[in-house]
Amino acid sequence: MATRIALQQVLARRSLVVASTSRTAAFSTMTKALHQHQPQHNNTNNTSSSKSEPETHFGFQNVPENMKEALVKQVFANVATKYDVMNDVMSGGVHRLWKDHFIRTLAPTPGTKLLDVAGGTGDIAMRFLDYCKETHGDNTAQVTVFDINPNMLQVGQERFTKTPYHNTSQVSFMEGNAENLEHIPDNSMDAYTIAFGIRNCTHVDRVLKEAYRVLKPGGRFMCLEFSKVENPVISKVYDVFSFDVIPAMGQIVANDRDSYQYLVESIRKFPPQKEFAKMIKEAGFTVMGQGYEDLTFGVAAIHSGFKL
C-alpha cells in the first residue's frame, strides 16, 4: 500500500506543480517520484503490495497500471505543439514517407468511414482525406480523429481550420481511451488506423479487441508502429541514435529531454513484429501472409488485419 499512497500523493501534487512550473518540469517531477518509489521486492509487505497492484511499463520503469494513463497524457501534453516538428527532426522526414505508404496500403475507397486512433495532430486523417479526394475525386469519405490527449486534438483541429475539410462532415474529433471506445457503435467503421500510438497504451490486447468490435465485417485494421531492427550492425547504430541523439534533440528543439527519453524507451518495450502479429490474430483478425511489412530495415512496420 505504501507504493499506492506515495503515487497518489504524486498525482495530488501534480496540479500544484503544473500551476507553478512548466509541463516539462511537472513530468520530470512525476517520473523522478515514480523512480524513487519503485517497489523493492526484498520483504513480505512489499511483495504483497506488488501482487495486489498490477504493474506495467512506462518506458524502462515499472509503474502501477492505474498510473500509466496519467503519465502518458503528460508526455503528449508536453510534446503536442512540437510533435510533428520533432518527428521531422528525428527521422529526417522519413516518417512522412512511411505515412504516405501507410495510406496507399490502406487504399481507401470512396465513402470509407475511418476511425483514426491516437491521431490527434491529424497527420493520418489529412492524408486519408487527401488520398480519397485526389485518387477518387471523393468528398464523401469521413474520418473520426480519436485521441486520449486534448492537447494533441487541439493541434489537429487547428491544422484542419486551414483546409477545405474544415466545418464539413468529413472530419470530426473525439477524446477518449483506445481501450474503451464506448461512444463508437459495433460494426460501424470501414477502417481503423493507429500510427505510433498503440505502444503507449496500457493494455494493447484491449485496444485490439475494441478495434475488432467497431469495425464492420470486411473492415480493416492497420497499425504503423516502431519495431525491432534485426540486422545487428544497423541495430547498434539505431540504438546510439535513439538513446544519445533523440533525447538531446528533444531538449534542443522542444526543451524537453524526459518526454523524448520515454518515447525512445517505449519503442524498445513494444513487442517485436512477429509477436504483435500474433496478438492481432488472437484478437480475431485475419492476416495475410506474415501480417506485417517492415519499413527502413524494421525501424517501423505496418501491421494489417481484416475482420472477416
C-alpha atoms as a PDB file:
ATOM      1  CA  MET A   1       0.000   0.000   0.000  1.00  0.00           C
ATOM      2  CA  ALA A   2       2.965   2.314   0.573  1.00  0.00           C
ATOM      3  CA  THR A   3       3.595   2.460  -3.164  1.00  0.00           C
ATOM      4  CA  ARG A   4      -0.026   3.336  -3.929  1.00  0.00           C
ATOM      5  CA  ILE A   5      -0.142   6.077  -1.274  1.00  0.00           C
ATOM      6  CA  ALA A   6       3.109   7.589  -2.479  1.00  0.00           C
ATOM      7  CA  LEU A   7       1.967   7.592  -6.104  1.00  0.00           C
ATOM      8  CA  GLN A   8      -1.400   9.089  -5.182  1.00  0.00           C
ATOM      9  CA  GLN A   9       0.483  11.857  -3.388  1.00  0.00           C
ATOM     10  CA  VAL A  10       2.481  12.462  -6.562  1.00  0.00           C
ATOM     11  CA  LEU A  11      -0.733  12.862  -8.555  1.00  0.00           C
ATOM     12  CA  ALA A  12      -2.249  15.093  -5.897  1.00  0.00           C
ATOM     13  CA  ARG A  13       0.787  17.382  -6.128  1.00  0.00           C
ATOM     14  CA  ARG A  14       0.710  17.316  -9.925  1.00  0.00           C
ATOM     15  CA  SER A  15      -1.782  20.157 -10.306  1.00  0.00           C
ATOM     16  CA  LEU A  16       0.272  22.363  -7.996  1.00  0.00           C
ATOM     17  CA  VAL A  17       3.469  21.570  -9.877  1.00  0.00           C
ATOM     18  CA  VAL A  18       1.898  22.358 -13.240  1.00  0.00           C
ATOM     19  CA  ALA A  19       0.482  25.588 -11.898  1.00  0.00           C
ATOM     20  CA  SER A  20       3.862  26.796 -10.637  1.00  0.00           C
ATOM     21  CA  THR A  21       6.211  25.381 -13.312  1.00  0.00           C
ATOM     22  CA  SER A  22       6.196  24.214 -16.910  1.00  0.00           C
ATOM     23  CA  ARG A  23       4.573  20.977 -18.082  1.00  0.00           C
ATOM     24  CA  THR A  24       8.025  19.542 -18.637  1.00  0.00           C
ATOM     25  CA  ALA A  25       9.009  20.199 -15.051  1.00  0.00           C
ATOM     26  CA  ALA A  26       5.815  18.516 -13.884  1.00  0.00           C
ATOM     27  CA  PHE A  27       6.562  15.423 -15.945  1.00  0.00           C
ATOM     28  CA  SER A  28      10.129  15.317 -14.652  1.00  0.00           C
ATOM     29  CA  THR A  29       8.860  15.555 -11.076  1.00  0.00           C
ATOM     30  CA  MET A  30       6.417  12.715 -11.621  1.00  0.00           C
ATOM     31  CA  THR A  31       8.927  10.377 -13.203  1.00  0.00           C
ATOM     32  CA  LYS A  32      11.531  11.066 -10.530  1.00  0.00           C
ATOM     33  CA  ALA A  33       8.970  10.359  -7.819  1.00  0.00           C
ATOM     34  CA  LEU A  34       7.975   7.140  -9.531  1.00  0.00           C
ATOM     35  CA  HIS A  35      11.602   6.103  -9.720  1.00  0.00           C
ATOM     36  CA  GLN A  36      12.065   6.812  -6.013  1.00  0.00           C
ATOM     37  CA  HIS A  37       9.012   4.740  -5.144  1.00  0.00           C
ATOM     38  CA  GLN A  38       9.763   1.703  -7.286  1.00  0.00           C
ATOM     39  CA  PRO A  39       8.727  -1.350  -5.238  1.00  0.00           C
ATOM     40  CA  GLN A  40      11.535  -3.261  -3.538  1.00  0.00           C
ATOM     41  CA  HIS A  41      10.891  -6.977  -3.530  1.00  0.00           C
ATOM     42  CA  ASN A  42      13.023  -7.822  -0.537  1.00  0.00           C
ATOM     43  CA  ASN A  43      10.371  -8.045   2.157  1.00  0.00           C
ATOM     44  CA  THR A  44       6.989  -9.615   2.674  1.00  0.00           C
ATOM     45  CA  ASN A  45       4.942  -6.399   2.809  1.00  0.00           C
ATOM     46  CA  ASN A  46       6.295  -5.012  -0.468  1.00  0.00           C
ATOM     47  CA  THR A  47       5.904  -8.354  -2.204  1.00  0.00           C
ATOM     48  CA  SER A  48       2.283  -8.490  -1.094  1.00  0.00           C
ATOM     49  CA  SER A  49       1.715  -4.915  -2.293  1.00  0.00           C
ATOM     50  CA  SER A  50       3.194  -5.642  -5.734  1.00  0.00           C
ATOM     51  CA  LYS A  51       0.883  -8.609  -6.135  1.00  0.00           C
ATOM     52  CA  SER A  52      -2.200  -6.553  -5.284  1.00  0.00           C
ATOM     53  CA  GLU A  53      -1.240  -3.699  -7.606  1.00  0.00           C
ATOM     54  CA  PRO A  54      -0.683  -4.894 -11.206  1.00  0.00           C
ATOM     55  CA  GLU A  55       2.228  -3.185 -12.871  1.00  0.00           C
ATOM     56  CA  THR A  56       3.102  -2.243 -16.430  1.00  0.00           C
ATOM     57  CA  HIS A  57       5.989  -0.471 -18.101  1.00  0.00           C
ATOM     58  CA  PHE A  58       6.365   3.242 -18.599  1.00  0.00           C
ATOM     59  CA  GLY A  59       9.480   3.332 -20.706  1.00  0.00           C
ATOM     60  CA  PHE A  60      12.013   1.303 -18.757  1.00  0.00           C
ATOM     61  CA  GLN A  61      10.292   1.953 -15.426  1.00  0.00           C
ATOM     62  CA  ASN A  62       7.697  -0.311 -13.852  1.00  0.00           C
ATOM     63  CA  VAL A  63       4.635   1.572 -12.640  1.00  0.00           C
ATOM     64  CA  PRO A  64       1.189   0.614 -11.334  1.00  0.00           C
ATOM     65  CA  GLU A  65      -1.203   0.134 -14.245  1.00  0.00           C
ATOM     66  CA  ASN A  66      -3.543   2.817 -12.969  1.00  0.00           C
ATOM     67  CA  MET A  67      -0.733   5.398 -13.207  1.00  0.00           C
ATOM     68  CA  LYS A  68       0.377   4.883 -16.794  1.00  0.00           C
ATOM     69  CA  GLU A  69      -2.511   6.708 -18.455  1.00  0.00           C
ATOM     70  CA  ALA A  70      -1.809   9.893 -16.499  1.00  0.00           C
ATOM     71  CA  LEU A  71       1.901   9.698 -17.238  1.00  0.00           C
ATOM     72  CA  VAL A  72       1.367   9.147 -20.976  1.00  0.00           C
ATOM     73  CA  LYS A  73      -1.110  12.033 -21.049  1.00  0.00           C
ATOM     74  CA  GLN A  74       1.534  14.277 -19.525  1.00  0.00           C
ATOM     75  CA  VAL A  75       4.117  13.204 -22.111  1.00  0.00           C
ATOM     76  CA  PHE A  76       1.870  14.161 -25.003  1.00  0.00           C
ATOM     77  CA  ALA A  77       0.711  17.348 -23.316  1.00  0.00           C
ATOM     78  CA  ASN A  78       4.405  18.249 -23.242  1.00  0.00           C
ATOM     79  CA  VAL A  79       5.178  17.413 -26.869  1.00  0.00           C
ATOM     80  CA  ALA A  80       1.900  18.273 -28.642  1.00  0.00           C
ATOM     81  CA  THR A  81       2.892  21.601 -30.197  1.00  0.00           C
ATOM     82  CA  LYS A  82       6.301  20.305 -31.313  1.00  0.00           C
ATOM     83  CA  TYR A  83       5.257  16.747 -32.120  1.00  0.00           C
ATOM     84  CA  ASP A  84       5.341  16.917 -35.919  1.00  0.00           C
ATOM     85  CA  VAL A  85       8.462  19.091 -35.969  1.00  0.00           C
ATOM     86  CA  MET A  86      10.291  16.608 -33.757  1.00  0.00           C
ATOM     87  CA  ASN A  87       9.164  13.730 -35.978  1.00  0.00           C
ATOM     88  CA  ASP A  88      10.805  15.508 -38.903  1.00  0.00           C
ATOM     89  CA  VAL A  89      13.991  16.163 -36.959  1.00  0.00           C
ATOM     90  CA  MET A  90      14.230  12.638 -35.533  1.00  0.00           C
ATOM     91  CA  SER A  91      13.532  10.827 -38.798  1.00  0.00           C
ATOM     92  CA  GLY A  92      14.938  13.239 -41.332  1.00  0.00           C
ATOM     93  CA  GLY A  93      11.439  13.429 -42.775  1.00  0.00           C
ATOM     94  CA  VAL A  94      11.239   9.667 -43.364  1.00  0.00           C
ATOM     95  CA  HIS A  95       8.114   9.399 -41.190  1.00  0.00           C
ATOM     96  CA  ARG A  96       6.264  11.298 -43.917  1.00  0.00           C
ATOM     97  CA  LEU A  97       7.195   8.610 -46.456  1.00  0.00           C
ATOM     98  CA  TRP A  98       6.089   5.892 -44.034  1.00  0.00           C
ATOM     99  CA  LYS A  99       2.723   7.575 -43.528  1.00  0.00           C
ATOM    100  CA  ASP A 100       2.204   8.122 -47.261  1.00  0.00           C
ATOM    101  CA  HIS A 101       2.909   4.434 -47.858  1.00  0.00           C
ATOM    102  CA  PHE A 102       0.616   3.530 -44.966  1.00  0.00           C
ATOM    103  CA  ILE A 103      -2.343   5.283 -46.600  1.00  0.00           C
ATOM    104  CA  ARG A 104      -1.542   3.889 -50.041  1.00  0.00           C
ATOM    105  CA  THR A 105      -1.504   0.421 -48.484  1.00  0.00           C
ATOM    106  CA  LEU A 106      -4.880   1.083 -46.856  1.00  0.00           C
ATOM    107  CA  ALA A 107      -6.120   2.197 -50.293  1.00  0.00           C
ATOM    108  CA  PRO A 108      -9.460   3.597 -49.081  1.00  0.00           C
ATOM    109  CA  THR A 109     -12.372   3.584 -51.497  1.00  0.00           C
ATOM    110  CA  PRO A 110     -14.981   6.355 -51.936  1.00  0.00           C
ATOM    111  CA  GLY A 111     -17.197   6.805 -48.896  1.00  0.00           C
ATOM    112  CA  THR A 112     -14.839   4.992 -46.493  1.00  0.00           C
ATOM    113  CA  LYS A 113     -15.516   5.676 -42.813  1.00  0.00           C
ATOM    114  CA  LEU A 114     -12.217   5.710 -40.923  1.00  0.00           C
ATOM    115  CA  LEU A 115     -11.529   5.744 -37.206  1.00  0.00           C
ATOM    116  CA  ASP A 116      -8.021   7.123 -36.710  1.00  0.00           C
ATOM    117  CA  VAL A 117      -7.000   6.348 -33.128  1.00  0.00           C
ATOM    118  CA  ALA A 118      -4.166   8.210 -31.392  1.00  0.00           C
ATOM    119  CA  GLY A 119      -4.416  10.538 -34.370  1.00  0.00           C
ATOM    120  CA  GLY A 120      -4.612  13.844 -32.515  1.00  0.00           C
ATOM    121  CA  THR A 121      -2.441  16.023 -34.743  1.00  0.00           C
ATOM    122  CA  GLY A 122      -4.417  14.936 -37.806  1.00  0.00           C
ATOM    123  CA  ASP A 123      -1.435  13.710 -39.828  1.00  0.00           C
ATOM    124  CA  ILE A 124      -3.020  10.414 -40.890  1.00  0.00           C
ATOM    125  CA  ALA A 125      -6.522  11.876 -41.191  1.00  0.00           C
ATOM    126  CA  MET A 126      -5.308  14.564 -43.589  1.00  0.00           C
ATOM    127  CA  ARG A 127      -3.503  12.031 -45.756  1.00  0.00           C
ATOM    128  CA  PHE A 128      -6.598   9.821 -45.796  1.00  0.00           C
ATOM    129  CA  LEU A 129      -8.926  12.596 -46.981  1.00  0.00           C
ATOM    130  CA  ASP A 130      -6.388  13.891 -49.490  1.00  0.00           C
ATOM    131  CA  TYR A 131      -5.948  10.382 -50.910  1.00  0.00           C
ATOM    132  CA  CYS A 132      -9.710   9.927 -51.343  1.00  0.00           C
ATOM    133  CA  LYS A 133     -10.039  13.328 -52.984  1.00  0.00           C
ATOM    134  CA  GLU A 134      -7.007  13.052 -55.279  1.00  0.00           C
ATOM    135  CA  THR A 135      -7.410   9.387 -56.216  1.00  0.00           C
ATOM    136  CA  HIS A 136     -11.196   9.099 -56.477  1.00  0.00           C
ATOM    137  CA  GLY A 137     -12.431  12.702 -56.605  1.00  0.00           C
ATOM    138  CA  ASP A 138     -14.355  11.705 -53.493  1.00  0.00           C
ATOM    139  CA  ASN A 139     -15.720  14.095 -50.875  1.00  0.00           C
ATOM    140  CA  THR A 140     -17.886  11.571 -49.030  1.00  0.00           C
ATOM    141  CA  ALA A 141     -15.122   9.803 -47.075  1.00  0.00           C
ATOM    142  CA  GLN A 142     -15.238  10.508 -43.349  1.00  0.00           C
ATOM    143  CA  VAL A 143     -12.661  10.283 -40.572  1.00  0.00           C
ATOM    144  CA  THR A 144     -13.054  10.456 -36.817  1.00  0.00           C
ATOM    145  CA  VAL A 145      -9.819  11.570 -35.193  1.00  0.00           C
ATOM    146  CA  PHE A 146      -9.703   9.911 -31.778  1.00  0.00           C
ATOM    147  CA  ASP A 147      -7.127  10.676 -29.092  1.00  0.00           C
ATOM    148  CA  ILE A 148      -6.808  10.487 -25.323  1.00  0.00           C
ATOM    149  CA  ASN A 149      -4.998  13.810 -25.146  1.00  0.00           C
ATOM    150  CA  PRO A 150      -6.892  17.091 -25.643  1.00  0.00           C
ATOM    151  CA  ASN A 151      -3.650  18.959 -26.382  1.00  0.00           C
ATOM    152  CA  MET A 152      -2.950  16.711 -29.351  1.00  0.00           C
ATOM    153  CA  LEU A 153      -6.543  17.038 -30.580  1.00  0.00           C
ATOM    154  CA  GLN A 154      -6.278  20.811 -30.382  1.00  0.00           C
ATOM    155  CA  VAL A 155      -3.240  20.730 -32.662  1.00  0.00           C
ATOM    156  CA  GLY A 156      -5.206  18.629 -35.155  1.00  0.00           C
ATOM    157  CA  GLN A 157      -8.254  20.866 -35.027  1.00  0.00           C
ATOM    158  CA  GLU A 158      -6.136  23.950 -35.640  1.00  0.00           C
ATOM    159  CA  ARG A 159      -4.447  22.226 -38.594  1.00  0.00           C
ATOM    160  CA  PHE A 160      -7.796  21.415 -40.209  1.00  0.00           C
ATOM    161  CA  THR A 161      -9.021  25.017 -39.955  1.00  0.00           C
ATOM    162  CA  LYS A 162      -6.633  25.784 -42.819  1.00  0.00           C
ATOM    163  CA  THR A 163      -8.048  23.093 -45.120  1.00  0.00           C
ATOM    164  CA  PRO A 164     -11.154  22.618 -47.298  1.00  0.00           C
ATOM    165  CA  TYR A 165     -12.303  19.925 -44.840  1.00  0.00           C
ATOM    166  CA  HIS A 166     -12.915  22.438 -42.052  1.00  0.00           C
ATOM    167  CA  ASN A 167     -16.558  22.684 -40.972  1.00  0.00           C
ATOM    168  CA  THR A 168     -17.574  19.718 -43.121  1.00  0.00           C
ATOM    169  CA  SER A 169     -18.905  16.302 -42.171  1.00  0.00           C
ATOM    170  CA  GLN A 170     -15.700  14.706 -43.454  1.00  0.00           C
ATOM    171  CA  VAL A 171     -13.733  15.145 -40.229  1.00  0.00           C
ATOM    172  CA  SER A 172     -14.642  15.068 -36.544  1.00  0.00           C
ATOM    173  CA  PHE A 173     -12.640  14.878 -33.328  1.00  0.00           C
ATOM    174  CA  MET A 174     -13.266  12.764 -30.250  1.00  0.00           C
ATOM    175  CA  GLU A 175     -11.428  12.474 -26.946  1.00  0.00           C
ATOM    176  CA  GLY A 176     -11.249   9.073 -25.291  1.00  0.00           C
ATOM    177  CA  ASN A 177      -9.283   5.964 -24.391  1.00  0.00           C
ATOM    178  CA  ALA A 178      -8.444   3.457 -27.136  1.00  0.00           C
ATOM    179  CA  GLU A 179      -9.097   0.643 -24.664  1.00  0.00           C
ATOM    180  CA  ASN A 180     -12.750   1.637 -24.363  1.00  0.00           C
ATOM    181  CA  LEU A 181     -14.382   3.089 -27.482  1.00  0.00           C
ATOM    182  CA  GLU A 182     -17.694   3.373 -25.658  1.00  0.00           C
ATOM    183  CA  HIS A 183     -19.114   6.040 -27.976  1.00  0.00           C
ATOM    184  CA  ILE A 184     -18.291   4.140 -31.172  1.00  0.00           C
ATOM    185  CA  PRO A 185     -21.025   1.611 -32.120  1.00  0.00           C
ATOM    186  CA  ASP A 186     -20.337  -2.003 -33.041  1.00  0.00           C
ATOM    187  CA  ASN A 187     -19.734  -2.721 -36.745  1.00  0.00           C
ATOM    188  CA  SER A 188     -19.721   0.965 -37.680  1.00  0.00           C
ATOM    189  CA  MET A 189     -16.312   1.623 -39.270  1.00  0.00           C
ATOM    190  CA  ASP A 190     -14.816   0.540 -42.582  1.00  0.00           C
ATOM    191  CA  ALA A 191     -11.249   1.041 -41.421  1.00  0.00           C
ATOM    192  CA  TYR A 192      -9.316   1.597 -38.205  1.00  0.00           C
ATOM    193  CA  THR A 193      -5.837   3.123 -38.170  1.00  0.00           C
ATOM    194  CA  ILE A 194      -3.417   3.781 -35.338  1.00  0.00           C
ATOM    195  CA  ALA A 195       0.013   5.256 -36.092  1.00  0.00           C
ATOM    196  CA  PHE A 196       2.761   5.432 -33.488  1.00  0.00           C
ATOM    197  CA  GLY A 197       0.230   5.234 -30.695  1.00  0.00           C
ATOM    198  CA  ILE A 198      -0.532   1.686 -29.665  1.00  0.00           C
ATOM    199  CA  ARG A 199       2.755   1.181 -27.813  1.00  0.00           C
ATOM    200  CA  ASN A 200       1.674   3.897 -25.361  1.00  0.00           C
ATOM    201  CA  CYS A 201      -1.483   2.034 -24.348  1.00  0.00           C
ATOM    202  CA  THR A 202      -1.583   0.141 -21.061  1.00  0.00           C
ATOM    203  CA  HIS A 203      -3.451  -2.920 -22.376  1.00  0.00           C
ATOM    204  CA  VAL A 204      -2.682  -3.474 -26.053  1.00  0.00           C
ATOM    205  CA  ASP A 205      -4.929  -6.547 -26.153  1.00  0.00           C
ATOM    206  CA  ARG A 206      -7.945  -4.439 -25.127  1.00  0.00           C
ATOM    207  CA  VAL A 207      -7.142  -1.887 -27.838  1.00  0.00           C
ATOM    208  CA  LEU A 208      -7.136  -4.654 -30.450  1.00  0.00           C
ATOM    209  CA  LYS A 209     -10.419  -6.128 -29.207  1.00  0.00           C
ATOM    210  CA  GLU A 210     -12.091  -2.724 -29.352  1.00  0.00           C
ATOM    211  CA  ALA A 211     -10.760  -2.219 -32.870  1.00  0.00           C
ATOM    212  CA  TYR A 212     -12.296  -5.531 -33.875  1.00  0.00           C
ATOM    213  CA  ARG A 213     -15.625  -4.633 -32.277  1.00  0.00           C
ATOM    214  CA  VAL A 214     -16.121  -1.297 -34.025  1.00  0.00           C
ATOM    215  CA  LEU A 215     -15.110  -2.493 -37.499  1.00  0.00           C
ATOM    216  CA  LYS A 216     -17.727  -3.682 -39.947  1.00  0.00           C
ATOM    217  CA  PRO A 217     -17.411  -7.227 -41.304  1.00  0.00           C
ATOM    218  CA  GLY A 218     -14.777  -6.914 -44.011  1.00  0.00           C
ATOM    219  CA  GLY A 219     -13.276  -3.892 -42.260  1.00  0.00           C
ATOM    220  CA  ARG A 220      -9.530  -3.420 -41.999  1.00  0.00           C
ATOM    221  CA  PHE A 221      -7.280  -2.756 -39.025  1.00  0.00           C
ATOM    222  CA  MET A 222      -3.948  -1.082 -39.799  1.00  0.00           C
ATOM    223  CA  CYS A 223      -1.177  -0.102 -37.427  1.00  0.00           C
ATOM    224  CA  LEU A 224       2.010   1.812 -38.154  1.00  0.00           C
ATOM    225  CA  GLU A 225       4.459   1.434 -35.289  1.00  0.00           C
ATOM    226  CA  PHE A 226       8.145   1.473 -34.474  1.00  0.00           C
ATOM    227  CA  SER A 227       9.513  -2.044 -34.416  1.00  0.00           C
ATOM    228  CA  LYS A 228      12.612  -4.156 -33.967  1.00  0.00           C
ATOM    229  CA  VAL A 229      15.658  -3.879 -36.227  1.00  0.00           C
ATOM    230  CA  GLU A 230      17.077  -7.370 -36.745  1.00  0.00           C
ATOM    231  CA  ASN A 231      20.312  -6.504 -38.538  1.00  0.00           C
ATOM    232  CA  PRO A 232      22.908  -6.287 -35.710  1.00  0.00           C
ATOM    233  CA  VAL A 233      25.017  -3.563 -37.338  1.00  0.00           C
ATOM    234  CA  ILE A 234      22.060  -1.334 -38.169  1.00  0.00           C
ATOM    235  CA  SER A 235      20.532  -2.096 -34.767  1.00  0.00           C
ATOM    236  CA  LYS A 236      23.639  -0.834 -32.979  1.00  0.00           C
ATOM    237  CA  VAL A 237      23.669   2.407 -34.979  1.00  0.00           C
ATOM    238  CA  TYR A 238      19.930   2.824 -34.354  1.00  0.00           C
ATOM    239  CA  ASP A 239      20.413   2.351 -30.601  1.00  0.00           C
ATOM    240  CA  VAL A 240      23.101   5.039 -30.466  1.00  0.00           C
ATOM    241  CA  PHE A 241      20.887   7.420 -32.432  1.00  0.00           C
ATOM    242  CA  SER A 242      17.851   6.612 -30.279  1.00  0.00           C
ATOM    243  CA  PHE A 243      19.376   6.927 -26.836  1.00  0.00           C
ATOM    244  CA  ASP A 244      22.086   9.539 -27.410  1.00  0.00           C
ATOM    245  CA  VAL A 245      20.726  11.753 -30.176  1.00  0.00           C
ATOM    246  CA  ILE A 246      16.923  11.808 -29.928  1.00  0.00           C
ATOM    247  CA  PRO A 247      16.644  12.891 -26.254  1.00  0.00           C
ATOM    248  CA  ALA A 248      19.252  15.586 -26.925  1.00  0.00           C
ATOM    249  CA  MET A 249      17.200  16.759 -29.927  1.00  0.00           C
ATOM    250  CA  GLY A 250      14.148  16.837 -27.698  1.00  0.00           C
ATOM    251  CA  GLN A 251      15.987  19.146 -25.330  1.00  0.00           C
ATOM    252  CA  ILE A 252      17.178  21.446 -28.115  1.00  0.00           C
ATOM    253  CA  VAL A 253      14.023  21.607 -30.243  1.00  0.00           C
ATOM    254  CA  ALA A 254      11.280  21.171 -27.640  1.00  0.00           C
ATOM    255  CA  ASN A 255      13.105  21.933 -24.365  1.00  0.00           C
ATOM    256  CA  ASP A 256      12.006  18.502 -23.148  1.00  0.00           C
ATOM    257  CA  ARG A 257      14.503  15.676 -22.815  1.00  0.00           C
ATOM    258  CA  ASP A 258      12.418  13.496 -20.459  1.00  0.00           C
ATOM    259  CA  SER A 259       9.424  13.053 -22.774  1.00  0.00           C
ATOM    260  CA  TYR A 260      11.584  12.004 -25.705  1.00  0.00           C
ATOM    261  CA  GLN A 261      13.591   9.695 -23.486  1.00  0.00           C
ATOM    262  CA  TYR A 262      10.297   7.982 -22.625  1.00  0.00           C
ATOM    263  CA  LEU A 263       9.276   7.759 -26.290  1.00  0.00           C
ATOM    264  CA  VAL A 264      12.562   6.059 -27.173  1.00  0.00           C
ATOM    265  CA  GLU A 265      12.269   3.638 -24.265  1.00  0.00           C
ATOM    266  CA  SER A 266       8.638   2.817 -25.125  1.00  0.00           C
ATOM    267  CA  ILE A 267       9.753   1.643 -28.570  1.00  0.00           C
ATOM    268  CA  ARG A 268      12.090  -0.909 -27.018  1.00  0.00           C
ATOM    269  CA  LYS A 269       9.334  -2.224 -24.737  1.00  0.00           C
ATOM    270  CA  PHE A 270       6.859  -2.825 -27.568  1.00  0.00           C
ATOM    271  CA  PRO A 271       6.535  -6.429 -28.825  1.00  0.00           C
ATOM    272  CA  PRO A 272       8.589  -7.302 -31.934  1.00  0.00           C
ATOM    273  CA  GLN A 273       6.827  -7.765 -35.262  1.00  0.00           C
ATOM    274  CA  LYS A 274       6.010 -11.485 -35.066  1.00  0.00           C
ATOM    275  CA  GLU A 275       4.725 -11.250 -31.512  1.00  0.00           C
ATOM    276  CA  PHE A 276       2.490  -8.275 -32.295  1.00  0.00           C
ATOM    277  CA  ALA A 277       1.162 -10.011 -35.419  1.00  0.00           C
ATOM    278  CA  LYS A 278       0.207 -12.931 -33.189  1.00  0.00           C
ATOM    279  CA  MET A 279      -1.659 -10.575 -30.847  1.00  0.00           C
ATOM    280  CA  ILE A 280      -3.627  -9.198 -33.812  1.00  0.00           C
ATOM    281  CA  LYS A 281      -4.655 -12.733 -34.783  1.00  0.00           C
ATOM    282  CA  GLU A 282      -5.640 -13.530 -31.196  1.00  0.00           C
ATOM    283  CA  ALA A 283      -7.963 -10.504 -31.222  1.00  0.00           C
ATOM    284  CA  GLY A 284      -9.904 -12.185 -34.043  1.00  0.00           C
ATOM    285  CA  PHE A 285      -8.389 -10.603 -37.123  1.00  0.00           C
ATOM    286  CA  THR A 286      -7.426 -12.492 -40.256  1.00  0.00           C
ATOM    287  CA  VAL A 287      -3.960 -11.572 -41.501  1.00  0.00           C
ATOM    288  CA  MET A 288      -2.452 -12.115 -44.909  1.00  0.00           C
ATOM    289  CA  GLY A 289       0.978 -13.725 -45.059  1.00  0.00           C
ATOM    290  CA  GLN A 290       3.141 -12.804 -42.089  1.00  0.00           C
ATOM    291  CA  GLY A 291       0.790  -9.939 -41.261  1.00  0.00           C
ATOM    292  CA  TYR A 292       3.255  -7.069 -41.434  1.00  0.00           C
ATOM    293  CA  GLU A 293       5.626  -5.159 -43.691  1.00  0.00           C
ATOM    294  CA  ASP A 294       8.956  -3.857 -42.403  1.00  0.00           C
ATOM    295  CA  LEU A 295       9.920  -0.296 -43.274  1.00  0.00           C
ATOM    296  CA  THR A 296      13.518   1.002 -43.290  1.00  0.00           C
ATOM    297  CA  PHE A 297      15.152  -2.203 -42.036  1.00  0.00           C
ATOM    298  CA  GLY A 298      12.422  -2.739 -39.450  1.00  0.00           C
ATOM    299  CA  VAL A 299      12.716   0.634 -37.736  1.00  0.00           C
ATOM    300  CA  ALA A 300       8.963   0.762 -38.314  1.00  0.00           C
ATOM    301  CA  ALA A 301       6.398  -1.749 -39.557  1.00  0.00           C
ATOM    302  CA  ILE A 302       2.883  -1.740 -40.958  1.00  0.00           C
ATOM    303  CA  HIS A 303       0.587  -4.373 -39.451  1.00  0.00           C
ATOM    304  CA  SER A 304      -2.713  -5.276 -41.038  1.00  0.00           C
ATOM    305  CA  GLY A 305      -5.696  -7.467 -40.269  1.00  0.00           C
ATOM    306  CA  PHE A 306      -9.232  -7.960 -41.590  1.00  0.00           C
ATOM    307  CA  LYS A 307     -12.464  -8.599 -39.720  1.00  0.00           C
ATOM    308  CA  LEU A 308     -13.887 -11.483 -41.709  1.00  0.00           C
END
